[in-house]
C-alpha cells in the first residue's frame, strides 16, 4: 500500500528565532507547501500566523493562505483546529467554516509543555457534529491512550463516520513519550478500518517515522514536528524533511501516494486542479 506523506510546515510553537527557515506569512507557507508537494507530499497540515508571527485563527489569513496554496499546487488541505494554546476553542473551531477537505479534531484537554491545551468534551462533540454537516473529514489527534478511548466513544456515538483517520502524536510533554512501545500500544487498539500516521516530536522524529512506516502507517514531516535535519543541524526548510520521509518509505519499498491515491484512501474528493 502506498504511503501518504503530510507536510506540516509551521505549527503553533516554534518561531523564526528557533529556526529562521520557519514559514510564517501566507506567501512563505504556500511556497513551502508547493515545494513539499514536489517532493511527494499529498496533504498539507496548516497552522497560520499573524503579522507578528503569533498563532492565529483569523479566517481571512487562513483563507488567503489556502488560496495561495491551491493556486500553486493540487495538494489536499487539512486545517489544524489546534491553532495555539492561547486561542479560544470557539475561535479555533470556526476554521472549519472554510470547508477544507480535512481538519484536525483534538478529543481531550491536556497539559502541553508549560501550557494547557483545552478541548472541553461538549465543545469537541459540537465541533465533530459541525464537521459532519460541512463534509469536513476529521483527523483525530491522539497524544495518549485515553485520547484514543475518547475517539472511540465519538465513533460509537456516530459523530465520526466512515473510515476513521488518526494522528498518533508522541513526544509532547504532557502526552505519551515517543517510544516504540507506546506507538505499538496505540496502533494495536485502532479500529481495523482506521487510516493513521505517526507524528513524532523532536529528537525521536526520524526513528519513530521509520518504525511507523514499517508498521503500515503514513508519515508527517515538517518544521512543526522537528526543527532539525540531524543532531545539531537545523533543517534549511521543510523540503529536506519531506524528502527524508519519502526516502524512508522508498527504502522500505513503499510507494509514495499521489494526491489522487491519497484522496481515494481518505475518501475525499480529488481537487479540481489535479
Protein backbone atom coordinates (compact mmCIF):
# COMPACT_ATOMS: atom_id res chain seq x y z
CA UNK A 1 0.00 0.00 0.00
CA UNK A 2 1.27 3.48 -0.83
CA UNK A 3 2.35 5.91 1.89
CA UNK A 4 0.60 9.24 2.34
CA UNK A 5 3.08 11.96 3.26
CA UNK A 6 1.74 15.05 5.02
CA UNK A 7 3.78 18.23 5.28
CA UNK A 8 3.37 20.28 8.48
CA UNK A 9 5.28 23.43 7.61
CA UNK A 10 4.67 25.76 10.56
CA UNK A 11 2.93 24.60 13.73
CA UNK A 12 1.99 26.77 16.73
CA UNK A 13 5.11 26.77 18.88
CA UNK A 14 8.40 27.49 17.08
CA UNK A 15 9.44 30.93 15.85
CA UNK A 16 11.95 32.22 13.35
CA UNK A 17 14.31 32.69 16.29
CA UNK A 18 14.25 28.92 16.71
CA UNK A 19 14.76 28.26 13.00
CA UNK A 20 14.98 31.14 10.50
CA UNK A 21 13.57 28.87 7.78
CA UNK A 22 10.20 28.53 9.54
CA UNK A 23 7.49 29.90 7.19
CA UNK A 24 5.00 32.21 8.88
CA UNK A 25 3.42 34.52 6.26
CA UNK A 26 0.76 33.17 3.86
CA UNK A 27 3.23 33.53 0.99
CA UNK A 28 6.01 31.68 2.82
CA UNK A 29 3.69 28.88 3.87
CA UNK A 30 2.31 28.48 0.35
CA UNK A 31 5.81 28.31 -1.11
CA UNK A 32 6.88 25.72 1.48
CA UNK A 33 3.81 23.59 0.75
CA UNK A 34 4.32 23.74 -3.02
CA UNK A 35 7.95 22.66 -2.61
CA UNK A 36 6.87 19.80 -0.34
CA UNK A 37 4.27 18.70 -2.89
CA UNK A 38 7.04 18.47 -5.48
CA UNK A 39 8.89 16.11 -3.11
CA UNK A 40 5.91 13.79 -2.67
CA UNK A 41 3.66 15.34 -0.02
CA UNK A 42 -0.03 14.74 -0.77
CA UNK A 43 -1.50 16.55 2.25
CA UNK A 44 -0.74 19.95 3.80
CA UNK A 45 -1.43 20.30 7.53
CA UNK A 46 -1.84 24.02 8.13
CA UNK A 47 -1.35 26.42 11.00
CA UNK A 48 -1.49 30.18 10.47
CA UNK A 49 0.40 33.13 11.95
CA UNK A 50 -0.41 36.82 12.28
CA UNK A 51 1.86 39.67 11.20
CA UNK A 52 3.86 39.31 14.44
CA UNK A 53 4.32 35.59 13.90
CA UNK A 54 1.83 34.52 16.59
CA UNK A 55 -0.64 31.63 16.08
CA UNK A 56 -3.95 32.89 14.75
CA UNK A 57 -7.39 31.58 13.83
CA UNK A 58 -8.12 34.66 11.72
CA UNK A 59 -10.35 33.47 8.89
CA UNK A 60 -9.03 35.99 6.36
CA UNK A 61 -5.44 34.89 6.97
CA UNK A 62 -6.42 31.23 6.71
CA UNK A 63 -8.46 31.79 3.55
CA UNK A 64 -5.64 33.73 1.88
CA UNK A 65 -3.09 31.05 2.73
CA UNK A 66 -5.29 28.24 1.41
CA UNK A 67 -6.00 30.18 -1.78
CA UNK A 68 -2.29 30.74 -2.41
CA UNK A 69 -1.61 27.04 -1.88
CA UNK A 70 -4.40 25.97 -4.20
CA UNK A 71 -3.09 28.35 -6.85
CA UNK A 72 0.36 26.77 -6.53
CA UNK A 73 -0.41 23.03 -6.37
CA UNK A 74 -3.25 20.50 -6.02
CA UNK A 75 -2.26 19.19 -2.58
CA UNK A 76 -5.02 18.10 -0.17
CA UNK A 77 -5.76 20.69 2.52
CA UNK A 78 -6.03 19.92 6.22
CA UNK A 79 -6.52 22.83 8.64
CA UNK A 80 -5.49 22.48 12.26
CA UNK A 81 -8.16 23.45 14.79
CA UNK A 82 -5.43 23.27 17.45
CA UNK A 83 -4.12 26.69 16.35
CA UNK A 84 -2.26 27.62 19.55
CA UNK A 85 -2.60 27.30 23.32
CA UNK A 86 -3.66 30.92 23.73
CA UNK A 87 -6.51 30.82 21.21
CA UNK A 88 -10.05 30.18 22.48
CA UNK A 89 -11.79 26.96 21.39
CA UNK A 90 -14.69 28.75 19.67
CA UNK A 91 -12.25 30.74 17.51
CA UNK A 92 -10.31 27.60 16.63
CA UNK A 93 -13.48 25.71 15.77
CA UNK A 94 -14.63 28.45 13.41
CA UNK A 95 -11.88 27.49 10.95
CA UNK A 96 -13.93 24.52 9.74
CA UNK A 97 -16.41 27.02 8.27
CA UNK A 98 -13.87 27.46 5.45
CA UNK A 99 -14.79 23.89 4.46
CA UNK A 100 -11.30 22.46 3.99
CA UNK A 101 -11.15 18.86 2.85
CA UNK A 102 -9.91 17.89 6.32
CA UNK A 103 -9.43 19.41 9.75
CA UNK A 104 -7.95 18.11 12.97
CA UNK A 105 -10.11 17.12 15.92
CA UNK A 106 -8.44 17.02 19.34
CA UNK A 107 -10.58 14.90 21.67
CA UNK A 108 -9.18 15.84 25.10
CA UNK A 109 -7.75 18.64 27.18
CA UNK A 110 -4.17 18.09 28.34
CA UNK A 111 -1.04 19.67 29.69
CA UNK A 112 1.08 20.75 26.74
CA UNK A 113 4.63 21.65 27.70
CA UNK A 114 4.31 24.51 30.16
CA UNK A 115 0.77 25.31 28.99
CA UNK A 116 -2.71 23.82 28.79
CA UNK A 117 -4.44 22.64 25.62
CA UNK A 118 -8.17 22.99 26.30
CA UNK A 119 -10.68 20.82 24.44
CA UNK A 120 -13.84 20.56 26.59
CA UNK A 121 -15.86 17.38 25.83
CA UNK A 122 -19.11 19.15 24.94
CA UNK A 123 -17.29 21.54 22.59
CA UNK A 124 -15.44 18.65 20.93
CA UNK A 125 -18.75 16.90 20.26
CA UNK A 126 -20.28 20.05 18.80
CA UNK A 127 -17.26 20.51 16.54
CA UNK A 128 -17.40 16.89 15.38
CA UNK A 129 -21.09 17.28 14.56
CA UNK A 130 -20.45 20.52 12.67
CA UNK A 131 -17.70 18.89 10.65
CA UNK A 132 -20.16 16.17 9.63
CA UNK A 133 -22.64 18.79 8.44
CA UNK A 134 -19.97 20.63 6.43
CA UNK A 135 -18.44 17.48 4.96
CA UNK A 136 -15.03 18.15 6.54
CA UNK A 137 -13.16 14.93 7.33
CA UNK A 138 -11.79 14.88 10.89
CA UNK A 139 -8.30 13.69 11.64
CA UNK A 140 -8.31 12.74 15.29
CA UNK A 141 -5.08 13.66 17.06
CA UNK A 142 -4.31 11.34 19.96
CA UNK A 143 -1.49 12.14 22.39
CA UNK A 144 -2.12 9.33 24.87
CA UNK A 145 -4.14 6.14 25.37
CA UNK A 146 -7.09 7.92 26.99
CA UNK A 147 -7.41 10.14 23.93
CA UNK A 148 -7.99 7.05 21.81
CA UNK A 149 -10.75 5.95 24.19
CA UNK A 150 -12.42 9.34 23.76
CA UNK A 151 -12.23 8.99 19.98
CA UNK A 152 -13.72 5.51 20.08
CA UNK A 153 -16.65 6.95 22.03
CA UNK A 154 -17.17 9.58 19.33
CA UNK A 155 -17.24 6.81 16.73
CA UNK A 156 -19.74 4.79 18.80
CA UNK A 157 -21.94 7.89 19.13
CA UNK A 158 -21.99 8.35 15.36
CA UNK A 159 -20.12 11.66 15.46
CA UNK A 160 -17.31 10.17 13.34
CA UNK A 161 -18.42 8.36 10.20
CA UNK A 162 -16.62 6.40 7.51
CA UNK A 163 -13.07 5.11 7.90
CA UNK A 164 -11.62 6.96 10.92
CA UNK A 165 -8.39 8.88 10.45
CA UNK A 166 -5.88 9.23 13.29
CA UNK A 167 -2.64 11.03 14.01
CA UNK A 168 -0.64 9.38 16.78
CA UNK A 169 1.33 12.23 18.34
CA UNK A 170 4.17 11.14 20.63
CA UNK A 171 6.80 13.18 22.43
CA UNK A 172 4.82 16.20 23.67
CA UNK A 173 5.44 16.96 27.35
CA UNK A 174 2.07 16.15 28.87
CA UNK A 175 1.34 13.30 26.48
CA UNK A 176 2.81 9.85 25.89
CA UNK A 177 6.56 9.58 25.37
CA UNK A 178 7.94 8.98 21.89
CA UNK A 179 8.78 5.29 22.29
CA UNK A 180 8.21 2.27 20.02
CA UNK A 181 6.27 0.59 22.84
CA UNK A 182 3.77 3.46 23.10
CA UNK A 183 3.34 3.53 19.33
CA UNK A 184 2.69 -0.21 19.25
CA UNK A 185 0.16 0.02 22.10
CA UNK A 186 -1.89 2.67 20.32
CA UNK A 187 -1.72 1.09 16.87
CA UNK A 188 -2.89 -2.26 18.26
CA UNK A 189 -6.05 -0.59 19.59
CA UNK A 190 -7.04 1.31 16.46
CA UNK A 191 -10.18 0.20 14.59
CA UNK A 192 -9.47 -2.23 11.75
CA UNK A 193 -10.59 0.31 9.13
CA UNK A 194 -8.51 3.17 10.52
CA UNK A 195 -6.06 5.21 8.47
CA UNK A 196 -3.23 6.51 10.66
CA UNK A 197 0.04 8.37 10.68
CA UNK A 198 2.82 8.79 13.19
CA UNK A 199 3.80 12.26 14.38
CA UNK A 200 6.98 12.05 16.45
CA UNK A 201 8.00 15.32 18.07
CA UNK A 202 11.62 16.37 18.40
CA UNK A 203 14.62 14.08 18.53
CA UNK A 204 12.60 10.85 18.06
CA UNK A 205 11.14 12.06 14.77
CA UNK A 206 13.33 10.09 12.38
CA UNK A 207 13.34 6.80 14.28
CA UNK A 208 9.60 6.66 15.01
CA UNK A 209 8.71 7.76 11.49
CA UNK A 210 10.68 4.77 10.20
CA UNK A 211 9.01 2.42 12.69
CA UNK A 212 5.56 3.78 11.87
CA UNK A 213 6.09 3.28 8.17
CA UNK A 214 7.27 -0.30 8.77
CA UNK A 215 4.08 -0.91 10.80
CA UNK A 216 1.83 0.21 7.95
CA UNK A 217 1.26 3.83 8.90
CA UNK A 218 1.65 7.06 7.00
CA UNK A 219 4.14 9.83 7.75
CA UNK A 220 4.10 13.51 8.61
CA UNK A 221 7.17 15.67 8.09
CA UNK A 222 7.99 19.32 8.57
CA UNK A 223 9.22 22.05 10.87
CA UNK A 224 6.14 21.76 13.10
CA UNK A 225 7.45 18.42 14.35
CA UNK A 226 11.22 18.91 14.34
CA UNK A 227 13.43 21.89 13.60
CA UNK A 228 16.48 19.72 12.94
CA UNK A 229 17.51 17.61 9.98
CA UNK A 230 20.04 15.79 12.13
CA UNK A 231 21.56 16.30 15.57
CA UNK A 232 22.87 19.84 15.87
CA UNK A 233 21.88 20.81 12.30
CA UNK A 234 18.83 22.97 11.75
CA UNK A 235 16.78 21.94 8.75
CA UNK A 236 17.01 24.58 6.00
CA UNK A 237 13.26 24.45 5.43
CA UNK A 238 10.53 21.84 5.19
CA UNK A 239 11.64 20.32 1.90
CA UNK A 240 14.60 18.32 3.30
CA UNK A 241 12.36 16.82 6.00
CA UNK A 242 9.72 15.78 3.46
CA UNK A 243 12.44 14.34 1.22
CA UNK A 244 13.80 12.40 4.21
CA UNK A 245 10.37 10.86 4.89
CA UNK A 246 9.98 9.95 1.22
CA UNK A 247 13.44 8.35 1.25
CA UNK A 248 12.48 6.28 4.29
CA UNK A 249 9.37 4.99 2.55
CA UNK A 250 11.27 4.15 -0.62
CA UNK A 251 13.97 2.35 1.39
CA UNK A 252 11.17 0.14 2.73
CA UNK A 253 9.92 -0.46 -0.84
CA UNK A 254 6.77 1.53 -0.11
CA UNK A 255 5.44 3.69 -2.98
CA UNK A 256 4.56 7.32 -2.29
CA UNK A 257 0.87 8.15 -2.69
CA UNK A 258 -0.10 10.74 -5.26
CA UNK A 259 -2.79 13.28 -4.40
CA UNK A 260 -5.31 11.15 -6.27
CA UNK A 261 -4.28 8.00 -4.40
CA UNK A 262 -4.33 9.80 -1.05
CA UNK A 263 -7.78 11.21 -1.76
CA UNK A 264 -9.06 7.74 -2.61
CA UNK A 265 -7.70 6.21 0.60
CA UNK A 266 -9.03 9.08 2.71
CA UNK A 267 -12.41 9.08 0.91
CA UNK A 268 -12.01 12.67 -0.27
CA UNK A 269 -12.91 14.45 -3.48
CA UNK A 270 -9.91 14.96 -5.75
CA UNK A 271 -9.05 18.68 -6.12
CA UNK A 272 -10.27 20.15 -9.40
CA UNK A 273 -6.81 21.33 -10.44
CA UNK A 274 -5.05 17.94 -10.27
